[in-house]
Each structure stands twice: as C-alpha cells, then as structure tokens.
Protein backbone atom coordinates (compact mmCIF):
# COMPACT_ATOMS: atom_id res chain seq x y z
CA UNK A 1 -2.56 -10.49 -15.47
CA UNK A 2 -4.12 -7.08 -15.01
CA UNK A 3 -2.77 -4.10 -16.77
CA UNK A 4 -1.66 -1.10 -14.84
CA UNK A 5 -4.77 0.79 -13.97
CA UNK A 6 -3.05 3.53 -12.01
CA UNK A 7 -3.21 7.10 -12.81
CA UNK A 8 0.46 7.34 -12.22
CA UNK A 9 3.47 5.03 -13.06
CA UNK A 10 4.71 3.51 -9.81
CA UNK A 11 8.33 4.04 -10.85
CA UNK A 12 7.74 7.78 -10.87
CA UNK A 13 5.93 8.29 -7.63
CA UNK A 14 7.25 10.85 -5.13
CA UNK A 15 9.05 9.50 -2.06
CA UNK A 16 9.14 11.44 1.09
CA UNK A 17 11.64 9.13 2.74
CA UNK A 18 15.30 8.79 1.81
CA UNK A 19 16.66 5.39 0.52
CA UNK A 20 18.49 4.64 3.75
CA UNK A 21 15.20 4.84 5.72
CA UNK A 22 13.60 2.20 3.29
CA UNK A 23 16.51 -0.10 3.97
CA UNK A 24 16.43 0.41 7.74
CA UNK A 25 12.71 -0.15 7.76
CA UNK A 26 12.86 -3.40 5.58
CA UNK A 27 15.79 -4.93 7.56
CA UNK A 28 14.99 -4.01 11.12
CA UNK A 29 11.58 -2.34 11.79
CA UNK A 30 9.29 -4.56 9.61
CA UNK A 31 10.33 -7.90 11.27
CA UNK A 32 9.63 -6.43 14.70
CA UNK A 33 6.23 -4.75 13.66
CA UNK A 34 4.88 -7.55 11.56
CA UNK A 35 3.89 -9.91 14.35
CA UNK A 36 2.52 -6.97 16.28
CA UNK A 37 0.39 -5.37 13.49
CA UNK A 38 -2.69 -7.20 14.78
CA UNK A 39 -2.46 -5.08 17.81
CA UNK A 40 -1.42 -1.76 16.48
CA UNK A 41 -4.25 0.35 15.13
CA UNK A 42 -3.93 1.26 11.43
CA UNK A 43 -0.90 -1.14 10.89
CA UNK A 44 -1.69 -3.95 8.55
CA UNK A 45 0.15 -6.54 6.55
CA UNK A 46 -0.44 -6.85 2.86
CA UNK A 47 0.30 -10.28 1.22
CA UNK A 48 1.15 -10.13 -2.42
CA UNK A 49 2.86 -12.28 -5.07
CA UNK A 50 6.11 -11.42 -6.96
CA UNK A 51 5.56 -10.42 -10.51
CA UNK A 52 8.20 -12.78 -11.83
CA UNK A 53 8.84 -15.37 -9.21
CA UNK A 54 5.20 -15.84 -7.98
CA UNK A 55 6.52 -16.17 -4.53
CA UNK A 56 4.36 -14.73 -1.72
CA UNK A 57 5.61 -11.71 0.09
CA UNK A 58 4.27 -9.72 3.14
CA UNK A 59 4.84 -6.12 3.68
CA UNK A 60 3.92 -3.99 6.68
CA UNK A 61 1.78 -0.90 5.68
CA UNK A 62 -0.49 1.74 7.22
CA UNK A 63 -3.97 1.33 5.90
CA UNK A 64 -7.02 3.68 5.84
CA UNK A 65 -10.45 2.20 5.34
CA UNK A 66 -13.57 4.12 4.43
CA UNK A 67 -16.64 1.92 3.67
CA UNK A 68 -15.53 -0.69 1.04
CA UNK A 69 -12.39 1.21 0.05
CA UNK A 70 -8.95 0.56 1.58
CA UNK A 71 -6.13 3.13 1.03
CA UNK A 72 -2.49 3.17 1.59
CA UNK A 73 -0.33 6.26 1.45
CA UNK A 74 2.85 5.56 -0.74
CA UNK A 75 5.35 7.65 1.17
CA UNK A 76 8.27 5.44 0.10
CA UNK A 77 7.40 6.00 -3.65
CA UNK A 78 8.49 3.30 -5.97
CA UNK A 79 8.24 -0.11 -4.20
CA UNK A 80 8.17 -3.54 -5.36
CA UNK A 81 5.04 -4.39 -3.44
CA UNK A 82 3.11 -1.69 -5.21
CA UNK A 83 4.23 -2.96 -8.54
CA UNK A 84 3.32 -6.49 -7.48
CA UNK A 85 -0.21 -5.58 -6.40
CA UNK A 86 -0.74 -3.52 -9.54
CA UNK A 87 0.35 -6.34 -11.72
CA UNK A 88 -1.71 -9.01 -10.03
CA UNK A 89 -4.82 -6.74 -9.63
CA UNK A 90 -5.38 -8.09 -6.13
CA UNK A 91 -3.84 -8.81 -2.66
CA UNK A 92 -4.83 -9.88 0.77
CA UNK A 93 -4.58 -7.61 3.73
CA UNK A 94 -4.54 -8.41 7.46
CA UNK A 95 -6.74 -5.68 9.08
CA UNK A 96 -6.38 -6.14 12.88
CA UNK A 97 -7.43 -9.74 13.30
CA UNK A 98 -9.38 -9.94 9.93
CA UNK A 99 -8.11 -10.99 6.61
CA UNK A 100 -9.64 -9.17 3.63
CA UNK A 101 -9.22 -9.52 0.01
CA UNK A 102 -8.70 -6.40 -2.06
CA UNK A 103 -9.18 -5.85 -5.77
CA UNK A 104 -9.12 -3.20 -8.44
CA UNK A 105 -5.93 -1.36 -7.27
CA UNK A 106 -5.30 2.07 -8.56
CA UNK A 107 -2.99 4.88 -7.78
CA UNK A 108 -4.06 8.45 -7.16
CA UNK A 109 -1.11 10.80 -7.82
CA UNK A 110 0.14 13.23 -5.28
CA UNK A 111 -2.01 16.32 -5.14
CA UNK A 112 -5.11 14.81 -6.68
CA UNK A 113 -7.40 15.99 -3.86
CA UNK A 114 -9.83 13.13 -4.03
CA UNK A 115 -12.56 14.01 -1.43
CA UNK A 116 -13.58 10.23 -1.23
CA UNK A 117 -10.39 9.54 0.82
CA UNK A 118 -10.43 9.62 4.58
CA UNK A 119 -9.28 13.08 5.97
CA UNK A 120 -5.80 12.02 7.23
CA UNK A 121 -5.07 10.43 3.84
CA UNK A 122 -6.31 13.60 1.94
CA UNK A 123 -3.68 15.49 3.96
CA UNK A 124 -0.86 12.94 3.08
CA UNK A 125 -2.09 13.00 -0.44
CA UNK A 126 -0.91 16.48 -0.88
CA UNK A 127 2.71 15.31 -0.96
CA UNK A 128 2.49 11.53 -1.77
CA UNK A 129 0.52 9.20 -4.07
CA UNK A 130 -2.04 6.87 -2.60
CA UNK A 131 -2.97 3.28 -3.54
CA UNK A 132 -6.67 2.68 -3.46
CA UNK A 133 -8.35 -0.58 -3.53
CA UNK A 134 -11.83 -2.12 -3.26
CA UNK A 135 -12.51 -4.70 -0.58
CA UNK A 136 -13.81 -7.71 -2.51
C-alpha cells in the first residue's frame, strides 16, 4: 500500500460545493451521467478500490489531460474516492472510449499556481486542490 504522497491531507481540502450538492450528485446525477460519460467531452469515470473493503467503485469526474499527466479538480473537497486513489497509488480512468491506468497520485493544494497544469485547471486551482496523476 502506498503512503500518502499528497502535498495536502485529503480530509482538509477546501470544498466549493455544499454537502447537499454532493448528496444530490451521488444519488441522482452520477447514475445518469456515468453511461453517457464516453460521449461528454472532459467527463470521465475513475475506477478505484475501497481502502478497507477492496470493493471496486466508479466515480464520475471531470479530467484535464496534458501530455502524460491527468489532473482532476477537487471541488468537492474531502471525498472517499480521493482517499482510495491516494491509498492505492493507482486507478483506472475511462477517457472517452479509452481506458488508461494512472499512477503516482499527488495533491496540489489550492493556490499552488503550478504552471504545468492546463489553463482551465490553473484557474480552478486558485480555490480548490487538484489531484494530479501520471498516465502509466
């Protein structure tokens, strides 16, 4: 099991959405968007394993790719899928119609201003943390 390599503790990440939006998205929006994610630009499904159960989970995310780097804005702050990916050190992501394996997850804290991020993600990174992975 990989150690937490993030620059910030996932349990303390800033969230821009209230908790009720998280619940609404998990219960109603994600089940509708998940099968359509192959056709919606920027929308991906990340497959990860539970830290304790080992059960596979799928979560709808918005991804940004730049070269061999894949990044995800963490607008919901503390999430189980982030902790699962950090603990495992890897995950699989469905990018359009292609499945990629991502490794070496790390968290850039809000306001880090990393110039290696795509422009739209740098703008989001002013307020929220970003999960950055390498495509393996």
